[in-house]
Amino acid sequence: NKITNAQYYHFKADEALQKLKSFNIDKVFLDPPRKGLDEIFLKTLVSLEPKRIIYVSCNVATLARDSQYLVSKGYQLKEVTPFDMFPQTSHIESVALFILE
């Protein structure tokens, strides 16, 4: 796609943030499993101070829990958009935008 200002890495989540500490990260896209993010991952993520976090969630309970942590560390929850990707089921995907100001 001729994108020259982005780099993509594929690691296990617990390894990825450790390897990316030396970079100046300004945006992070997250799509965790139903259990959400663990506390060690969240602490490491916050220490990188990305300006924007886009969090895709399939579990509103863990999104709420992780949102509370991010907000307590200075992020503002700007928007949450639900997507009904599985009609006639109770499953909803949500995309949340957090901004560090």
N, C-alpha and C. Protein backbone atom coordinates (compact mmCIF):
# COMPACT_ATOMS: atom_id res chain seq x y z
N ASN A 1 0.80 -1.21 0.00
CA ASN A 1 0.00 0.00 0.00
C ASN A 1 0.84 1.27 0.00
N LYS A 2 2.11 1.13 -0.13
CA LYS A 2 3.03 2.26 -0.18
C LYS A 2 2.97 3.14 1.06
N ILE A 3 2.72 2.53 2.20
CA ILE A 3 2.72 3.26 3.47
C ILE A 3 4.16 3.25 3.99
N THR A 4 4.71 4.43 4.18
CA THR A 4 6.11 4.51 4.58
C THR A 4 6.31 5.00 6.01
N ASN A 5 5.24 5.44 6.66
CA ASN A 5 5.39 6.00 8.01
C ASN A 5 4.81 5.09 9.09
N ALA A 6 4.74 3.80 8.82
CA ALA A 6 4.23 2.84 9.80
C ALA A 6 5.11 1.60 9.80
N GLN A 7 5.21 1.00 10.97
CA GLN A 7 5.92 -0.26 11.11
C GLN A 7 4.99 -1.24 11.81
N TYR A 8 5.06 -2.49 11.40
CA TYR A 8 4.19 -3.51 11.97
C TYR A 8 5.04 -4.61 12.58
N TYR A 9 4.65 -5.05 13.77
CA TYR A 9 5.37 -6.11 14.47
C TYR A 9 4.36 -7.14 14.93
N HIS A 10 4.81 -8.37 14.99
CA HIS A 10 3.96 -9.45 15.47
C HIS A 10 4.70 -10.18 16.58
N PHE A 11 4.25 -9.99 17.80
CA PHE A 11 4.84 -10.63 18.97
C PHE A 11 3.72 -11.10 19.88
N LYS A 12 4.05 -11.93 20.84
CA LYS A 12 3.13 -12.17 21.94
C LYS A 12 3.02 -10.86 22.71
N ALA A 13 1.86 -10.59 23.25
CA ALA A 13 1.59 -9.29 23.89
C ALA A 13 2.59 -8.95 24.99
N ASP A 14 2.93 -9.94 25.82
CA ASP A 14 3.84 -9.64 26.93
C ASP A 14 5.26 -9.33 26.44
N GLU A 15 5.62 -9.82 25.27
CA GLU A 15 6.93 -9.54 24.70
C GLU A 15 6.94 -8.23 23.91
N ALA A 16 5.84 -7.92 23.30
CA ALA A 16 5.79 -6.79 22.37
C ALA A 16 6.14 -5.47 23.03
N LEU A 17 5.51 -5.17 24.15
CA LEU A 17 5.75 -3.87 24.77
C LEU A 17 7.18 -3.74 25.27
N GLN A 18 7.76 -4.81 25.75
CA GLN A 18 9.15 -4.77 26.19
C GLN A 18 10.07 -4.43 25.01
N LYS A 19 9.80 -5.02 23.86
CA LYS A 19 10.63 -4.78 22.69
C LYS A 19 10.42 -3.39 22.11
N LEU A 20 9.25 -2.81 22.33
CA LEU A 20 8.94 -1.52 21.74
C LEU A 20 9.26 -0.33 22.64
N LYS A 21 9.79 -0.59 23.82
CA LYS A 21 10.10 0.50 24.75
C LYS A 21 11.08 1.52 24.18
N SER A 22 11.95 1.09 23.28
CA SER A 22 12.94 2.01 22.74
C SER A 22 12.38 2.90 21.62
N PHE A 23 11.16 2.64 21.17
CA PHE A 23 10.54 3.44 20.13
C PHE A 23 9.69 4.55 20.73
N ASN A 24 9.47 5.59 19.96
CA ASN A 24 8.54 6.65 20.35
C ASN A 24 7.17 6.26 19.81
N ILE A 25 6.38 5.61 20.63
CA ILE A 25 5.07 5.09 20.21
C ILE A 25 4.03 6.19 20.40
N ASP A 26 3.28 6.52 19.33
CA ASP A 26 2.25 7.54 19.50
C ASP A 26 0.84 6.98 19.40
N LYS A 27 0.67 5.80 18.78
CA LYS A 27 -0.64 5.16 18.69
C LYS A 27 -0.48 3.66 18.92
N VAL A 28 -1.45 3.09 19.63
CA VAL A 28 -1.46 1.65 19.87
C VAL A 28 -2.86 1.13 19.58
N PHE A 29 -2.94 0.06 18.79
CA PHE A 29 -4.20 -0.62 18.52
C PHE A 29 -4.21 -1.91 19.32
N LEU A 30 -5.26 -2.11 20.10
CA LEU A 30 -5.37 -3.31 20.94
C LEU A 30 -6.63 -4.09 20.59
N ASP A 31 -6.52 -5.39 20.55
CA ASP A 31 -7.67 -6.27 20.37
C ASP A 31 -7.46 -7.49 21.26
N PRO A 32 -7.65 -7.30 22.58
CA PRO A 32 -7.35 -8.39 23.52
C PRO A 32 -8.42 -9.49 23.49
N PRO A 33 -8.11 -10.62 24.11
CA PRO A 33 -9.11 -11.68 24.25
C PRO A 33 -10.22 -11.25 25.21
N ARG A 34 -11.24 -12.07 25.36
CA ARG A 34 -12.38 -11.75 26.23
C ARG A 34 -11.97 -11.36 27.65
N LYS A 35 -10.91 -11.93 28.15
CA LYS A 35 -10.49 -11.64 29.53
C LYS A 35 -9.89 -10.25 29.67
N GLY A 36 -9.71 -9.54 28.56
CA GLY A 36 -9.16 -8.18 28.62
C GLY A 36 -7.65 -8.20 28.80
N LEU A 37 -7.11 -7.08 29.26
CA LEU A 37 -5.67 -6.93 29.43
C LEU A 37 -5.29 -7.21 30.87
N ASP A 38 -4.11 -7.80 31.08
CA ASP A 38 -3.69 -8.02 32.46
C ASP A 38 -2.98 -6.76 32.98
N GLU A 39 -2.81 -6.70 34.28
CA GLU A 39 -2.29 -5.49 34.93
C GLU A 39 -0.86 -5.18 34.50
N ILE A 40 -0.04 -6.19 34.31
CA ILE A 40 1.35 -5.96 33.89
C ILE A 40 1.38 -5.33 32.50
N PHE A 41 0.54 -5.83 31.60
CA PHE A 41 0.47 -5.26 30.26
C PHE A 41 0.01 -3.81 30.33
N LEU A 42 -1.03 -3.54 31.11
CA LEU A 42 -1.54 -2.17 31.24
C LEU A 42 -0.48 -1.23 31.80
N LYS A 43 0.23 -1.66 32.82
CA LYS A 43 1.28 -0.82 33.42
C LYS A 43 2.37 -0.50 32.39
N THR A 44 2.77 -1.51 31.64
CA THR A 44 3.81 -1.30 30.63
C THR A 44 3.29 -0.40 29.52
N LEU A 45 2.07 -0.61 29.09
CA LEU A 45 1.46 0.23 28.06
C LEU A 45 1.45 1.69 28.49
N VAL A 46 0.99 1.96 29.68
CA VAL A 46 0.91 3.33 30.19
C VAL A 46 2.30 3.96 30.29
N SER A 47 3.31 3.15 30.62
CA SER A 47 4.67 3.69 30.74
C SER A 47 5.23 4.15 29.39
N LEU A 48 4.69 3.62 28.28
CA LEU A 48 5.12 4.04 26.94
C LEU A 48 4.52 5.40 26.56
N GLU A 49 3.46 5.80 27.24
CA GLU A 49 2.76 7.07 27.02
C GLU A 49 2.34 7.30 25.57
N PRO A 50 1.68 6.31 24.94
CA PRO A 50 1.17 6.60 23.60
C PRO A 50 0.08 7.67 23.69
N LYS A 51 0.03 8.54 22.69
CA LYS A 51 -0.95 9.64 22.70
C LYS A 51 -2.37 9.13 22.46
N ARG A 52 -2.49 8.05 21.70
CA ARG A 52 -3.81 7.47 21.40
C ARG A 52 -3.77 5.96 21.57
N ILE A 53 -4.83 5.45 22.14
CA ILE A 53 -5.01 4.01 22.25
C ILE A 53 -6.37 3.69 21.65
N ILE A 54 -6.38 2.79 20.68
CA ILE A 54 -7.63 2.31 20.10
C ILE A 54 -7.79 0.88 20.59
N TYR A 55 -8.87 0.67 21.32
CA TYR A 55 -9.09 -0.59 22.02
C TYR A 55 -10.34 -1.25 21.43
N VAL A 56 -10.16 -2.40 20.79
CA VAL A 56 -11.27 -3.18 20.24
C VAL A 56 -11.61 -4.25 21.26
N SER A 57 -12.88 -4.33 21.65
CA SER A 57 -13.26 -5.25 22.72
C SER A 57 -14.49 -6.07 22.34
N CYS A 58 -14.46 -7.33 22.74
CA CYS A 58 -15.63 -8.20 22.55
C CYS A 58 -16.33 -8.46 23.89
N ASN A 59 -15.88 -7.76 24.94
CA ASN A 59 -16.46 -7.96 26.27
C ASN A 59 -16.56 -6.61 26.95
N VAL A 60 -17.77 -6.10 27.08
CA VAL A 60 -17.94 -4.75 27.66
C VAL A 60 -17.50 -4.69 29.12
N ALA A 61 -17.57 -5.79 29.84
CA ALA A 61 -17.14 -5.79 31.24
C ALA A 61 -15.64 -5.57 31.36
N THR A 62 -14.85 -6.27 30.54
CA THR A 62 -13.40 -6.07 30.62
C THR A 62 -13.00 -4.74 30.00
N LEU A 63 -13.74 -4.27 29.01
CA LEU A 63 -13.48 -2.93 28.47
C LEU A 63 -13.70 -1.88 29.56
N ALA A 64 -14.77 -2.02 30.32
CA ALA A 64 -15.04 -1.08 31.42
C ALA A 64 -13.93 -1.13 32.46
N ARG A 65 -13.49 -2.32 32.82
CA ARG A 65 -12.42 -2.47 33.81
C ARG A 65 -11.12 -1.84 33.33
N ASP A 66 -10.73 -2.16 32.09
CA ASP A 66 -9.49 -1.63 31.55
C ASP A 66 -9.59 -0.12 31.31
N SER A 67 -10.77 0.35 30.95
CA SER A 67 -10.99 1.79 30.77
C SER A 67 -10.78 2.54 32.07
N GLN A 68 -11.28 1.97 33.14
CA GLN A 68 -11.11 2.59 34.46
C GLN A 68 -9.63 2.75 34.78
N TYR A 69 -8.84 1.74 34.49
CA TYR A 69 -7.40 1.82 34.75
C TYR A 69 -6.76 2.91 33.89
N LEU A 70 -7.05 2.91 32.60
CA LEU A 70 -6.45 3.89 31.70
C LEU A 70 -6.83 5.32 32.08
N VAL A 71 -8.08 5.52 32.44
CA VAL A 71 -8.53 6.86 32.86
C VAL A 71 -7.82 7.28 34.14
N SER A 72 -7.60 6.35 35.05
CA SER A 72 -6.91 6.68 36.30
C SER A 72 -5.45 7.07 36.06
N LYS A 73 -4.92 6.72 34.88
CA LYS A 73 -3.53 7.03 34.55
C LYS A 73 -3.41 8.23 33.59
N GLY A 74 -4.49 8.98 33.44
CA GLY A 74 -4.43 10.22 32.67
C GLY A 74 -5.01 10.18 31.28
N TYR A 75 -5.53 9.04 30.86
CA TYR A 75 -6.16 8.95 29.54
C TYR A 75 -7.60 9.40 29.63
N GLN A 76 -8.08 10.02 28.57
CA GLN A 76 -9.48 10.39 28.48
C GLN A 76 -10.17 9.46 27.49
N LEU A 77 -11.29 8.92 27.90
CA LEU A 77 -12.09 8.09 27.01
C LEU A 77 -12.92 9.03 26.16
N LYS A 78 -12.57 9.16 24.89
CA LYS A 78 -13.22 10.13 24.00
C LYS A 78 -14.45 9.57 23.31
N GLU A 79 -14.40 8.28 22.99
CA GLU A 79 -15.52 7.73 22.21
C GLU A 79 -15.54 6.21 22.34
N VAL A 80 -16.74 5.66 22.38
CA VAL A 80 -16.92 4.21 22.31
C VAL A 80 -18.02 3.97 21.28
N THR A 81 -17.72 3.12 20.31
CA THR A 81 -18.69 2.80 19.27
C THR A 81 -18.96 1.31 19.29
N PRO A 82 -20.21 0.91 19.53
CA PRO A 82 -20.55 -0.52 19.49
C PRO A 82 -20.83 -0.98 18.06
N PHE A 83 -20.48 -2.22 17.77
CA PHE A 83 -20.75 -2.82 16.47
C PHE A 83 -21.44 -4.16 16.68
N ASP A 84 -22.61 -4.31 16.10
CA ASP A 84 -23.33 -5.58 16.19
C ASP A 84 -22.89 -6.46 15.02
N MET A 85 -21.80 -7.15 15.22
CA MET A 85 -21.24 -7.97 14.15
C MET A 85 -21.81 -9.38 14.14
N PHE A 86 -22.56 -9.72 15.16
CA PHE A 86 -23.13 -11.06 15.27
C PHE A 86 -24.64 -10.92 15.51
N PRO A 87 -25.40 -10.59 14.48
CA PRO A 87 -26.83 -10.35 14.64
C PRO A 87 -27.56 -11.50 15.33
N GLN A 88 -28.53 -11.12 16.10
CA GLN A 88 -29.40 -12.05 16.82
C GLN A 88 -28.65 -12.87 17.86
N THR A 89 -27.54 -12.31 18.36
CA THR A 89 -26.85 -12.86 19.51
C THR A 89 -26.63 -11.71 20.49
N SER A 90 -26.16 -12.00 21.66
CA SER A 90 -25.91 -10.95 22.65
C SER A 90 -24.50 -10.37 22.53
N HIS A 91 -23.72 -10.81 21.55
CA HIS A 91 -22.33 -10.38 21.42
C HIS A 91 -22.21 -9.06 20.66
N ILE A 92 -21.52 -8.13 21.28
CA ILE A 92 -21.30 -6.81 20.69
C ILE A 92 -19.79 -6.52 20.71
N GLU A 93 -19.24 -6.08 19.60
CA GLU A 93 -17.87 -5.59 19.56
C GLU A 93 -17.93 -4.09 19.83
N SER A 94 -16.95 -3.57 20.52
CA SER A 94 -16.87 -2.14 20.79
C SER A 94 -15.47 -1.65 20.44
N VAL A 95 -15.41 -0.42 19.95
CA VAL A 95 -14.12 0.21 19.67
C VAL A 95 -14.09 1.49 20.50
N ALA A 96 -13.06 1.60 21.34
CA ALA A 96 -12.92 2.76 22.24
C ALA A 96 -11.66 3.52 21.86
N LEU A 97 -11.76 4.85 21.96
CA LEU A 97 -10.62 5.72 21.70
C LEU A 97 -10.23 6.44 22.98
N PHE A 98 -8.98 6.25 23.38
CA PHE A 98 -8.41 6.93 24.56
C PHE A 98 -7.34 7.89 24.08
N ILE A 99 -7.32 9.08 24.66
CA ILE A 99 -6.33 10.08 24.32
C ILE A 99 -5.63 10.56 25.57
N LEU A 100 -4.31 10.64 25.50
CA LEU A 100 -3.50 11.16 26.59
C LEU A 100 -3.29 12.65 26.35
N GLU A 101 -3.80 13.46 27.27
CA GLU A 101 -3.66 14.91 27.09
C GLU A 101 -2.86 15.51 28.22
